[in-house]
Amino acid sequence: PADLPVQAPTKYEPVINLRTAKAMGLEVPPTLLARADEVI
């Protein structure tokens, strides 16, 4: 185990909840939506 390198996370997942955004009266820019892994 001491010979194995320490690793940091490499995969991040952006998730946007459009239902919540609409309920809050927020408009999410299309460029941000395009970068999301999941849009609810």
Full PDB file with SEQRES, HELIX, SHEET, SSBOND, CRYST1, ORIGX, SCALE, CONECT and MASTER records, all heavy atoms in Angstrom:
SEQRES   1 A   40  PRO ALA ASP LEU PRO VAL GLN ALA PRO THR LYS TYR GLU          
SEQRES   2 A   40  PRO VAL ILE ASN LEU ARG THR ALA LYS ALA MET GLY LEU          
SEQRES   3 A   40  GLU VAL PRO PRO THR LEU LEU ALA ARG ALA ASP GLU VAL          
SEQRES   4 A   40  ILE                                                          
HELIX    1 AA1 LEU A   18  ALA A   23  1                                   6    
HELIX    2 AA2 PRO A   30  ARG A   35  1                                   6    
SHEET    1 AA1 2 VAL A  15  ILE A  16  0                                        
SHEET    2 AA1 2 GLU A  38  VAL A  39  1                                        
CRYST1    1.000    1.000    1.000  90.00  90.00  90.00 P 1           1          
ORIGX1      1.000000  0.000000  0.000000        0.00000                         
ORIGX2      0.000000  1.000000  0.000000        0.00000                         
ORIGX3      0.000000  0.000000  1.000000        0.00000                         
SCALE1      1.000000  0.000000  0.000000        0.00000                         
SCALE2      0.000000  1.000000  0.000000        0.00000                         
SCALE3      0.000000  0.000000  1.000000        0.00000                         
ATOM      1  N   PRO A   1       0.812  -1.227   0.000  1.00  0.00           N  
ATOM      2  CA  PRO A   1       0.000   0.000   0.000  1.00  0.00           C  
ATOM      3  C   PRO A   1       0.845   1.278   0.000  1.00  0.00           C  
ATOM      4  O   PRO A   1       0.481   2.263  -0.638  1.00  0.00           O  
ATOM      5  CB  PRO A   1      -0.815  -0.117   1.282  1.00  0.00           C  
ATOM      6  CG  PRO A   1      -0.887  -1.578   1.555  1.00  0.00           C  
ATOM      7  CD  PRO A   1       0.414  -2.146   1.058  1.00  0.00           C  
ATOM      8  N   ALA A   2       1.976   1.259   0.652  1.00  0.00           N  
ATOM      9  CA  ALA A   2       2.838   2.445   0.709  1.00  0.00           C  
ATOM     10  C   ALA A   2       3.423   2.793  -0.655  1.00  0.00           C  
ATOM     11  O   ALA A   2       3.838   3.936  -0.886  1.00  0.00           O  
ATOM     12  CB  ALA A   2       3.965   2.234   1.714  1.00  0.00           C  
ATOM     13  N   ASP A   3       3.458   1.810  -1.559  1.00  0.00           N  
ATOM     14  CA  ASP A   3       4.010   2.052  -2.898  1.00  0.00           C  
ATOM     15  C   ASP A   3       2.972   2.603  -3.877  1.00  0.00           C  
ATOM     16  O   ASP A   3       3.321   3.017  -4.982  1.00  0.00           O  
ATOM     17  CB  ASP A   3       4.605   0.763  -3.472  1.00  0.00           C  
ATOM     18  CG  ASP A   3       5.830   0.292  -2.698  1.00  0.00           C  
ATOM     19  OD1 ASP A   3       6.447   1.129  -2.000  1.00  0.00           O  
ATOM     20  OD2 ASP A   3       6.149  -0.907  -2.790  1.00  0.00           O  
ATOM     21  N   LEU A   4       1.709   2.591  -3.482  1.00  0.00           N  
ATOM     22  CA  LEU A   4       0.651   3.076  -4.370  1.00  0.00           C  
ATOM     23  C   LEU A   4       0.516   4.594  -4.235  1.00  0.00           C  
ATOM     24  O   LEU A   4       0.527   5.121  -3.126  1.00  0.00           O  
ATOM     25  CB  LEU A   4      -0.672   2.396  -4.033  1.00  0.00           C  
ATOM     26  CG  LEU A   4      -0.700   0.874  -4.198  1.00  0.00           C  
ATOM     27  CD1 LEU A   4      -2.021   0.313  -3.694  1.00  0.00           C  
ATOM     28  CD2 LEU A   4      -0.469   0.490  -5.636  1.00  0.00           C  
ATOM     29  N   PRO A   5       0.375   5.287  -5.340  1.00  0.00           N  
ATOM     30  CA  PRO A   5       0.268   6.747  -5.268  1.00  0.00           C  
ATOM     31  C   PRO A   5      -1.089   7.196  -4.704  1.00  0.00           C  
ATOM     32  O   PRO A   5      -2.100   6.519  -4.879  1.00  0.00           O  
ATOM     33  CB  PRO A   5       0.404   7.194  -6.730  1.00  0.00           C  
ATOM     34  CG  PRO A   5      -0.058   6.009  -7.514  1.00  0.00           C  
ATOM     35  CD  PRO A   5       0.322   4.797  -6.716  1.00  0.00           C  
ATOM     36  N   VAL A   6      -1.075   8.322  -4.032  1.00  0.00           N  
ATOM     37  CA  VAL A   6      -2.320   8.923  -3.562  1.00  0.00           C  
ATOM     38  C   VAL A   6      -3.008   9.528  -4.777  1.00  0.00           C  
ATOM     39  O   VAL A   6      -2.361  10.155  -5.615  1.00  0.00           O  
ATOM     40  CB  VAL A   6      -2.036  10.016  -2.505  1.00  0.00           C  
ATOM     41  CG1 VAL A   6      -3.301  10.738  -2.117  1.00  0.00           C  
ATOM     42  CG2 VAL A   6      -1.363   9.391  -1.289  1.00  0.00           C  
ATOM     43  N   GLN A   7      -4.310   9.324  -4.871  1.00  0.00           N  
ATOM     44  CA  GLN A   7      -5.045   9.837  -6.018  1.00  0.00           C  
ATOM     45  C   GLN A   7      -6.123  10.811  -5.576  1.00  0.00           C  
ATOM     46  O   GLN A   7      -6.762  10.602  -4.543  1.00  0.00           O  
ATOM     47  CB  GLN A   7      -5.698   8.695  -6.790  1.00  0.00           C  
ATOM     48  CG  GLN A   7      -4.706   7.775  -7.443  1.00  0.00           C  
ATOM     49  CD  GLN A   7      -5.401   6.773  -8.335  1.00  0.00           C  
ATOM     50  OE1 GLN A   7      -6.542   6.941  -8.727  1.00  0.00           O  
ATOM     51  NE2 GLN A   7      -4.694   5.710  -8.684  1.00  0.00           N  
ATOM     52  N   ALA A   8      -6.302  11.818  -6.360  1.00  0.00           N  
ATOM     53  CA  ALA A   8      -7.387  12.782  -6.139  1.00  0.00           C  
ATOM     54  C   ALA A   8      -8.505  12.461  -7.128  1.00  0.00           C  
ATOM     55  O   ALA A   8      -8.267  11.824  -8.159  1.00  0.00           O  
ATOM     56  CB  ALA A   8      -6.880  14.203  -6.360  1.00  0.00           C  
ATOM     57  N   PRO A   9      -9.714  12.902  -6.829  1.00  0.00           N  
ATOM     58  CA  PRO A   9     -10.800  12.700  -7.794  1.00  0.00           C  
ATOM     59  C   PRO A   9     -10.459  13.329  -9.138  1.00  0.00           C  
ATOM     60  O   PRO A   9      -9.835  14.387  -9.198  1.00  0.00           O  
ATOM     61  CB  PRO A   9     -11.991  13.405  -7.147  1.00  0.00           C  
ATOM     62  CG  PRO A   9     -11.651  13.504  -5.708  1.00  0.00           C  
ATOM     63  CD  PRO A   9     -10.162  13.591  -5.630  1.00  0.00           C  
ATOM     64  N   THR A  10     -10.847  12.664 -10.203  1.00  0.00           N  
ATOM     65  CA  THR A  10     -10.589  13.191 -11.546  1.00  0.00           C  
ATOM     66  C   THR A  10     -11.872  13.433 -12.324  1.00  0.00           C  
ATOM     67  O   THR A  10     -11.856  14.125 -13.339  1.00  0.00           O  
ATOM     68  CB  THR A  10      -9.715  12.212 -12.349  1.00  0.00           C  
ATOM     69  OG1 THR A  10     -10.377  10.946 -12.414  1.00  0.00           O  
ATOM     70  CG2 THR A  10      -8.344  12.051 -11.721  1.00  0.00           C  
ATOM     71  N   LYS A  11     -12.966  12.856 -11.864  1.00  0.00           N  
ATOM     72  CA  LYS A  11     -14.234  13.004 -12.577  1.00  0.00           C  
ATOM     73  C   LYS A  11     -15.224  13.758 -11.695  1.00  0.00           C  
ATOM     74  O   LYS A  11     -15.522  13.336 -10.585  1.00  0.00           O  
ATOM     75  CB  LYS A  11     -14.800  11.621 -12.941  1.00  0.00           C  
ATOM     76  CG  LYS A  11     -16.037  11.690 -13.781  1.00  0.00           C  
ATOM     77  CD  LYS A  11     -16.505  10.310 -14.180  1.00  0.00           C  
ATOM     78  CE  LYS A  11     -17.774  10.419 -15.008  1.00  0.00           C  
ATOM     79  NZ  LYS A  11     -18.381   9.110 -15.243  1.00  0.00           N  
ATOM     80  N   TYR A  12     -15.701  14.870 -12.201  1.00  0.00           N  
ATOM     81  CA  TYR A  12     -16.676  15.693 -11.487  1.00  0.00           C  
ATOM     82  C   TYR A  12     -17.962  15.733 -12.293  1.00  0.00           C  
ATOM     83  O   TYR A  12     -17.927  15.703 -13.523  1.00  0.00           O  
ATOM     84  CB  TYR A  12     -16.133  17.107 -11.273  1.00  0.00           C  
ATOM     85  CG  TYR A  12     -14.984  17.125 -10.295  1.00  0.00           C  
ATOM     86  CD1 TYR A  12     -13.700  16.825 -10.696  1.00  0.00           C  
ATOM     87  CD2 TYR A  12     -15.217  17.409  -8.959  1.00  0.00           C  
ATOM     88  CE1 TYR A  12     -12.648  16.817  -9.792  1.00  0.00           C  
ATOM     89  CE2 TYR A  12     -14.177  17.402  -8.048  1.00  0.00           C  
ATOM     90  CZ  TYR A  12     -12.895  17.106  -8.472  1.00  0.00           C  
ATOM     91  OH  TYR A  12     -11.869  17.087  -7.573  1.00  0.00           O  
ATOM     92  N   GLU A  13     -19.087  15.802 -11.597  1.00  0.00           N  
ATOM     93  CA  GLU A  13     -20.361  15.778 -12.301  1.00  0.00           C  
ATOM     94  C   GLU A  13     -21.245  16.962 -11.901  1.00  0.00           C  
ATOM     95  O   GLU A  13     -21.737  17.024 -10.789  1.00  0.00           O  
ATOM     96  CB  GLU A  13     -21.086  14.450 -12.059  1.00  0.00           C  
ATOM     97  CG  GLU A  13     -21.241  14.061 -10.624  1.00  0.00           C  
ATOM     98  CD  GLU A  13     -21.913  12.711 -10.436  1.00  0.00           C  
ATOM     99  OE1 GLU A  13     -22.219  12.015 -11.415  1.00  0.00           O  
ATOM    100  OE2 GLU A  13     -22.139  12.368  -9.283  1.00  0.00           O  
ATOM    101  N   PRO A  14     -21.416  17.912 -12.823  1.00  0.00           N  
ATOM    102  CA  PRO A  14     -22.359  18.998 -12.561  1.00  0.00           C  
ATOM    103  C   PRO A  14     -23.796  18.544 -12.834  1.00  0.00           C  
ATOM    104  O   PRO A  14     -24.071  17.904 -13.847  1.00  0.00           O  
ATOM    105  CB  PRO A  14     -21.932  20.092 -13.537  1.00  0.00           C  
ATOM    106  CG  PRO A  14     -21.099  19.422 -14.564  1.00  0.00           C  
ATOM    107  CD  PRO A  14     -20.621  18.117 -14.005  1.00  0.00           C  
ATOM    108  N   VAL A  15     -24.689  18.858 -11.897  1.00  0.00           N  
ATOM    109  CA  VAL A  15     -26.105  18.523 -12.010  1.00  0.00           C  
ATOM    110  C   VAL A  15     -26.896  19.800 -11.765  1.00  0.00           C  
ATOM    111  O   VAL A  15     -26.618  20.540 -10.822  1.00  0.00           O  
ATOM    112  CB  VAL A  15     -26.509  17.442 -10.977  1.00  0.00           C  
ATOM    113  CG1 VAL A  15     -28.003  17.176 -11.027  1.00  0.00           C  
ATOM    114  CG2 VAL A  15     -25.729  16.164 -11.206  1.00  0.00           C  
ATOM    115  N   ILE A  16     -27.875  20.069 -12.621  1.00  0.00           N  
ATOM    116  CA  ILE A  16     -28.706  21.268 -12.485  1.00  0.00           C  
ATOM    117  C   ILE A  16     -30.160  20.837 -12.399  1.00  0.00           C  
ATOM    118  O   ILE A  16     -30.638  20.060 -13.222  1.00  0.00           O  
ATOM    119  CB  ILE A  16     -28.510  22.222 -13.686  1.00  0.00           C  
ATOM    120  CG1 ILE A  16     -27.037  22.669 -13.744  1.00  0.00           C  
ATOM    121  CG2 ILE A  16     -29.439  23.426 -13.585  1.00  0.00           C  
ATOM    122  CD1 ILE A  16     -26.674  23.415 -14.986  1.00  0.00           C  
ATOM    123  N   ASN A  17     -30.855  21.361 -11.410  1.00  0.00           N  
ATOM    124  CA  ASN A  17     -32.265  21.059 -11.221  1.00  0.00           C  
ATOM    125  C   ASN A  17     -33.074  22.242 -11.759  1.00  0.00           C  
ATOM    126  O   ASN A  17     -33.197  23.278 -11.096  1.00  0.00           O  
ATOM    127  CB  ASN A  17     -32.570  20.813  -9.743  1.00  0.00           C  
ATOM    128  CG  ASN A  17     -33.951  20.249  -9.531  1.00  0.00           C  
ATOM    129  OD1 ASN A  17     -34.895  20.663 -10.187  1.00  0.00           O  
ATOM    130  ND2 ASN A  17     -34.059  19.324  -8.597  1.00  0.00           N  
ATOM    131  N   LEU A  18     -33.606  22.092 -12.978  1.00  0.00           N  
ATOM    132  CA  LEU A  18     -34.372  23.176 -13.612  1.00  0.00           C  
ATOM    133  C   LEU A  18     -35.702  23.433 -12.916  1.00  0.00           C  
ATOM    134  O   LEU A  18     -36.183  24.564 -12.909  1.00  0.00           O  
ATOM    135  CB  LEU A  18     -34.614  22.877 -15.085  1.00  0.00           C  
ATOM    136  CG  LEU A  18     -33.460  23.184 -16.027  1.00  0.00           C  
ATOM    137  CD1 LEU A  18     -33.848  22.868 -17.468  1.00  0.00           C  
ATOM    138  CD2 LEU A  18     -33.020  24.625 -15.907  1.00  0.00           C  
ATOM    139  N   ARG A  19     -36.296  22.390 -12.326  1.00  0.00           N  
ATOM    140  CA  ARG A  19     -37.548  22.597 -11.580  1.00  0.00           C  
ATOM    141  C   ARG A  19     -37.323  23.575 -10.435  1.00  0.00           C  
ATOM    142  O   ARG A  19     -38.120  24.480 -10.207  1.00  0.00           O  
ATOM    143  CB  ARG A  19     -38.073  21.275 -11.023  1.00  0.00           C  
ATOM    144  CG  ARG A  19     -38.746  20.409 -12.060  1.00  0.00           C  
ATOM    145  CD  ARG A  19     -39.274  19.172 -11.419  1.00  0.00           C  
ATOM    146  NE  ARG A  19     -38.116  18.395 -10.963  1.00  0.00           N  
ATOM    147  CZ  ARG A  19     -38.164  17.166 -10.521  1.00  0.00           C  
ATOM    148  NH1 ARG A  19     -39.299  16.543 -10.406  1.00  0.00           N  
ATOM    149  NH2 ARG A  19     -37.072  16.524 -10.177  1.00  0.00           N  
ATOM    150  N   THR A  20     -36.219  23.389  -9.717  1.00  0.00           N  
ATOM    151  CA  THR A  20     -35.896  24.284  -8.612  1.00  0.00           C  
ATOM    152  C   THR A  20     -35.591  25.685  -9.131  1.00  0.00           C  
ATOM    153  O   THR A  20     -36.029  26.673  -8.548  1.00  0.00           O  
ATOM    154  CB  THR A  20     -34.709  23.726  -7.802  1.00  0.00           C  
ATOM    155  OG1 THR A  20     -35.057  22.430  -7.306  1.00  0.00           O  
ATOM    156  CG2 THR A  20     -34.353  24.620  -6.645  1.00  0.00           C  
ATOM    157  N   ALA A  21     -34.844  25.767 -10.224  1.00  0.00           N  
ATOM    158  CA  ALA A  21     -34.515  27.078 -10.800  1.00  0.00           C  
ATOM    159  C   ALA A  21     -35.784  27.831 -11.194  1.00  0.00           C  
ATOM    160  O   ALA A  21     -35.922  29.025 -10.893  1.00  0.00           O  
ATOM    161  CB  ALA A  21     -33.604  26.908 -12.011  1.00  0.00           C  
ATOM    162  N   LYS A  22     -36.727  27.149 -11.830  1.00  0.00           N  
ATOM    163  CA  LYS A  22     -37.981  27.791 -12.225  1.00  0.00           C  
ATOM    164  C   LYS A  22     -38.788  28.228 -11.016  1.00  0.00           C  
ATOM    165  O   LYS A  22     -39.369  29.311 -11.002  1.00  0.00           O  
ATOM    166  CB  LYS A  22     -38.797  26.855 -13.115  1.00  0.00           C  
ATOM    167  CG  LYS A  22     -38.200  26.686 -14.494  1.00  0.00           C  
ATOM    168  CD  LYS A  22     -38.974  25.698 -15.332  1.00  0.00           C  
ATOM    169  CE  LYS A  22     -38.245  25.468 -16.651  1.00  0.00           C  
ATOM    170  NZ  LYS A  22     -38.855  24.415 -17.458  1.00  0.00           N  
ATOM    171  N   ALA A  23     -38.830  27.392  -9.976  1.00  0.00           N  
ATOM    172  CA  ALA A  23     -39.563  27.741  -8.762  1.00  0.00           C  
ATOM    173  C   ALA A  23     -38.959  28.957  -8.074  1.00  0.00           C  
ATOM    174  O   ALA A  23     -39.666  29.728  -7.428  1.00  0.00           O  
ATOM    175  CB  ALA A  23     -39.584  26.551  -7.796  1.00  0.00           C  
ATOM    176  N   MET A  24     -37.655  29.152  -8.246  1.00  0.00           N  
ATOM    177  CA  MET A  24     -36.974  30.302  -7.643  1.00  0.00           C  
ATOM    178  C   MET A  24     -36.979  31.518  -8.560  1.00  0.00           C  
ATOM    179  O   MET A  24     -36.507  32.583  -8.182  1.00  0.00           O  
ATOM    180  CB  MET A  24     -35.529  29.930  -7.299  1.00  0.00           C  
ATOM    181  CG  MET A  24     -35.417  28.855  -6.242  1.00  0.00           C  
ATOM    182  SD  MET A  24     -33.720  28.345  -5.972  1.00  0.00           S  
ATOM    183  CE  MET A  24     -33.180  29.656  -4.892  1.00  0.00           C  
ATOM    184  N   GLY A  25     -37.487  31.362  -9.773  1.00  0.00           N  
ATOM    185  CA  GLY A  25     -37.507  32.460 -10.730  1.00  0.00           C  
ATOM    186  C   GLY A  25     -36.151  32.733 -11.349  1.00  0.00           C  
ATOM    187  O   GLY A  25     -35.874  33.847 -11.782  1.00  0.00           O  
ATOM    188  N   LEU A  26     -35.319  31.724 -11.424  1.00  0.00           N  
ATOM    189  CA  LEU A  26     -33.981  31.875 -11.997  1.00  0.00           C  
ATOM    190  C   LEU A  26     -33.930  31.296 -13.397  1.00  0.00           C  
ATOM    191  O   LEU A  26     -34.544  30.262 -13.671  1.00  0.00           O  
ATOM    192  CB  LEU A  26     -32.945  31.158 -11.130  1.00  0.00           C  
ATOM    193  CG  LEU A  26     -32.786  31.649  -9.700  1.00  0.00           C  
ATOM    194  CD1 LEU A  26     -31.851  30.728  -8.939  1.00  0.00           C  
ATOM    195  CD2 LEU A  26     -32.263  33.065  -9.680  1.00  0.00           C  
ATOM    196  N   GLU A  27     -33.194  31.950 -14.252  1.00  0.00           N  
ATOM    197  CA  GLU A  27     -32.973  31.435 -15.597  1.00  0.00           C  
ATOM    198  C   GLU A  27     -31.539  30.937 -15.673  1.00  0.00           C  
ATOM    199  O   GLU A  27     -30.599  31.675 -15.367  1.00  0.00           O  
ATOM    200  CB  GLU A  27     -33.198  32.521 -16.648  1.00  0.00           C  
ATOM    201  CG  GLU A  27     -33.131  31.993 -18.051  1.00  0.00           C  
ATOM    202  CD  GLU A  27     -33.473  33.057 -19.077  1.00  0.00           C  
ATOM    203  OE1 GLU A  27     -34.342  33.890 -18.800  1.00  0.00           O  
ATOM    204  OE2 GLU A  27     -32.837  33.036 -20.144  1.00  0.00           O  
ATOM    205  N   VAL A  28     -31.384  29.678 -16.052  1.00  0.00           N  
ATOM    206  CA  VAL A  28     -30.058  29.077 -16.142  1.00  0.00           C  
ATOM    207  C   VAL A  28     -29.545  29.276 -17.564  1.00  0.00           C  
ATOM    208  O   VAL A  28     -30.218  28.901 -18.524  1.00  0.00           O  
ATOM    209  CB  VAL A  28     -30.107  27.579 -15.785  1.00  0.00           C  
ATOM    210  CG1 VAL A  28     -28.724  26.953 -15.875  1.00  0.00           C  
ATOM    211  CG2 VAL A  28     -30.697  27.383 -14.392  1.00  0.00           C  
ATOM    212  N   PRO A  29     -28.363  29.873 -17.708  1.00  0.00           N  
ATOM    213  CA  PRO A  29     -27.827  30.115 -19.052  1.00  0.00           C  
ATOM    214  C   PRO A  29     -27.649  28.805 -19.836  1.00  0.00           C  
ATOM    215  O   PRO A  29     -27.239  27.786 -19.264  1.00  0.00           O  
ATOM    216  CB  PRO A  29     -26.463  30.762 -18.789  1.00  0.00           C  
ATOM    217  CG  PRO A  29     -26.534  31.271 -17.396  1.00  0.00           C  
ATOM    218  CD  PRO A  29     -27.475  30.375 -16.658  1.00  0.00           C  
ATOM    219  N   PRO A  30     -27.943  28.835 -21.131  1.00  0.00           N  
ATOM    220  CA  PRO A  30     -27.804  27.631 -21.965  1.00  0.00           C  
ATOM    221  C   PRO A  30     -26.389  27.055 -21.933  1.00  0.00           C  
ATOM    222  O   PRO A  30     -26.217  25.842 -22.017  1.00  0.00           O  
ATOM    223  CB  PRO A  30     -28.174  28.105 -23.371  1.00  0.00           C  
ATOM    224  CG  PRO A  30     -28.931  29.369 -23.179  1.00  0.00           C  
ATOM    225  CD  PRO A  30     -28.471  29.957 -21.887  1.00  0.00           C  
ATOM    226  N   THR A  31     -25.374  27.907 -21.824  1.00  0.00           N  
ATOM    227  CA  THR A  31     -23.998  27.397 -21.793  1.00  0.00           C  
ATOM    228  C   THR A  31     -23.755  26.556 -20.540  1.00  0.00           C  
ATOM    229  O   THR A  31     -23.024  25.565 -20.591  1.00  0.00           O  
ATOM    230  CB  THR A  31     -22.987  28.554 -21.837  1.00  0.00           C  
ATOM    231  OG1 THR A  31     -23.296  29.489 -20.797  1.00  0.00           O  
ATOM    232  CG2 THR A  31     -23.012  29.263 -23.169  1.00  0.00           C  
ATOM    233  N   LEU A  32     -24.361  26.930 -19.430  1.00  0.00           N  
ATOM    234  CA  LEU A  32     -24.237  26.148 -18.203  1.00  0.00           C  
ATOM    235  C   LEU A  32     -25.003  24.833 -18.322  1.00  0.00           C  
ATOM    236  O   LEU A  32     -24.508  23.781 -17.916  1.00  0.00           O  
ATOM    237  CB  LEU A  32     -24.737  26.954 -17.005  1.00  0.00           C  
ATOM    238  CG  LEU A  32     -24.526  26.337 -15.628  1.00  0.00           C  
ATOM    239  CD1 LEU A  32     -23.055  26.054 -15.373  1.00  0.00           C  
ATOM    240  CD2 LEU A  32     -25.071  27.273 -14.565  1.00  0.00           C  
ATOM    241  N   LEU A  33     -26.178  24.889 -18.907  1.00  0.00           N  
ATOM    242  CA  LEU A  33     -26.963  23.669 -19.126  1.00  0.00           C  
ATOM    243  C   LEU A  33     -26.219  22.677 -20.025  1.00  0.00           C  
ATOM    244  O   LEU A  33     -26.258  21.472 -19.800  1.00  0.00           O  
ATOM    245  CB  LEU A  33     -28.310  24.002 -19.752  1.00  0.00           C  
ATOM    246  CG  LEU A  33     -29.320  24.704 -18.841  1.00  0.00           C  
ATOM    247  CD1 LEU A  33     -30.537  25.142 -19.637  1.00  0.00           C  
ATOM    248  CD2 LEU A  33     -29.708  23.814 -17.690  1.00  0.00           C  
ATOM    249  N   ALA A  34     -25.524  23.205 -21.029  1.00  0.00           N  
ATOM    250  CA  ALA A  34     -24.783  22.344 -21.952  1.00  0.00           C  
ATOM    251  C   ALA A  34     -23.636  21.628 -21.268  1.00  0.00           C  
ATOM    252  O   ALA A  34     -23.250  20.532 -21.676  1.00  0.00           O  
ATOM    253  CB  ALA A  34     -24.264  23.173 -23.127  1.00  0.00           C  
ATOM    254  N   ARG A  35     -23.092  22.200 -20.218  1.00  0.00           N  
ATOM    255  CA  ARG A  35     -21.953  21.598 -19.517  1.00  0.00           C  
ATOM    256  C   ARG A  35     -22.379  20.601 -18.448  1.00  0.00           C  
ATOM    257  O   ARG A  35     -21.551  19.853 -17.918  1.00  0.00           O  
ATOM    258  CB  ARG A  35     -21.104  22.682 -18.892  1.00  0.00           C  
ATOM    259  CG  ARG A  35     -20.542  23.627 -19.962  1.00  0.00           C  
ATOM    260  CD  ARG A  35     -19.456  24.456 -19.458  1.00  0.00           C  
ATOM    261  NE  ARG A  35     -18.245  23.627 -19.459  1.00  0.00           N  
ATOM    262  CZ  ARG A  35     -17.098  24.026 -18.988  1.00  0.00           C  
ATOM    263  NH1 ARG A  35     -16.994  25.212 -18.461  1.00  0.00           N  
ATOM    264  NH2 ARG A  35     -16.053  23.250 -19.008  1.00  0.00           N  
ATOM    265  N   ALA A  36     -23.658  20.570 -18.119  1.00  0.00           N  
ATOM    266  CA  ALA A  36     -24.138  19.689 -17.055  1.00  0.00           C  
ATOM    267  C   ALA A  36     -24.148  18.239 -17.501  1.00  0.00           C  
ATOM    268  O   ALA A  36     -24.508  17.932 -18.631  1.00  0.00           O  
ATOM    269  CB  ALA A  36     -25.531  20.117 -16.611  1.00  0.00           C  
ATOM    270  N   ASP A  37     -23.778  17.354 -16.586  1.00  0.00           N  
ATOM    271  CA  ASP A  37     -23.876  15.916 -16.852  1.00  0.00           C  
ATOM    272  C   ASP A  37     -25.337  15.472 -16.795  1.00  0.00           C  
ATOM    273  O   ASP A  37     -25.727  14.531 -17.467  1.00  0.00           O  
ATOM    274  CB  ASP A  37     -23.074  15.109 -15.830  1.00  0.00           C  
ATOM    275  CG  ASP A  37     -21.591  15.163 -16.088  1.00  0.00           C  
ATOM    276  OD1 ASP A  37     -21.175  15.662 -17.151  1.00  0.00           O  
ATOM    277  OD2 ASP A  37     -20.822  14.686 -15.223  1.00  0.00           O  
ATOM    278  N   GLU A  38     -26.123  16.155 -15.951  1.00  0.00           N  
ATOM    279  CA  GLU A  38     -27.535  15.818 -15.827  1.00  0.00           C  
ATOM    280  C   GLU A  38     -28.317  17.098 -15.587  1.00  0.00           C  
ATOM    281  O   GLU A  38     -27.921  17.955 -14.812  1.00  0.00           O  
ATOM    282  CB  GLU A  38     -27.750  14.863 -14.657  1.00  0.00           C  
ATOM    283  CG  GLU A  38     -29.187  14.441 -14.484  1.00  0.00           C  
ATOM    284  CD  GLU A  38     -29.387  13.451 -13.350  1.00  0.00           C  
ATOM    285  OE1 GLU A  38     -28.415  13.038 -12.721  1.00  0.00           O  
ATOM    286  OE2 GLU A  38     -30.559  13.109 -13.096  1.00  0.00           O  
ATOM    287  N   VAL A  39     -29.449  17.210 -16.272  1.00  0.00           N  
ATOM    288  CA  VAL A  39     -30.381  18.313 -16.079  1.00  0.00           C  
ATOM    289  C   VAL A  39     -31.706  17.702 -15.634  1.00  0.00           C  
ATOM    290  O   VAL A  39     -32.285  16.893 -16.356  1.00  0.00           O  
ATOM    291  CB  VAL A  39     -30.563  19.162 -17.363  1.00  0.00           C  
ATOM    292  CG1 VAL A  39     -31.613  20.240 -17.145  1.00  0.00           C  
ATOM    293  CG2 VAL A  39     -29.233  19.758 -17.798  1.00  0.00           C  
ATOM    294  N   ILE A  40     -32.151  18.076 -14.449  1.00  0.00           N  
ATOM    295  CA  ILE A  40     -33.395  17.556 -13.909  1.00  0.00           C  
ATOM    296  C   ILE A  40     -34.506  18.510 -14.286  1.00  0.00           C  
ATOM    297  O   ILE A  40     -34.456  19.696 -13.939  1.00  0.00           O  
ATOM    298  CB  ILE A  40     -33.302  17.382 -12.380  1.00  0.00           C  
ATOM    299  CG1 ILE A  40     -32.178  16.402 -12.049  1.00  0.00           C  
ATOM    300  CG2 ILE A  40     -34.627  16.914 -11.800  1.00  0.00           C  
ATOM    301  CD1 ILE A  40     -31.793  16.353 -10.599  1.00  0.00           C  
TER     302      ILE A  40                                                      
MASTER        0    0    0    2    2    0    0    6  301    1    0    4          
END                                                                             
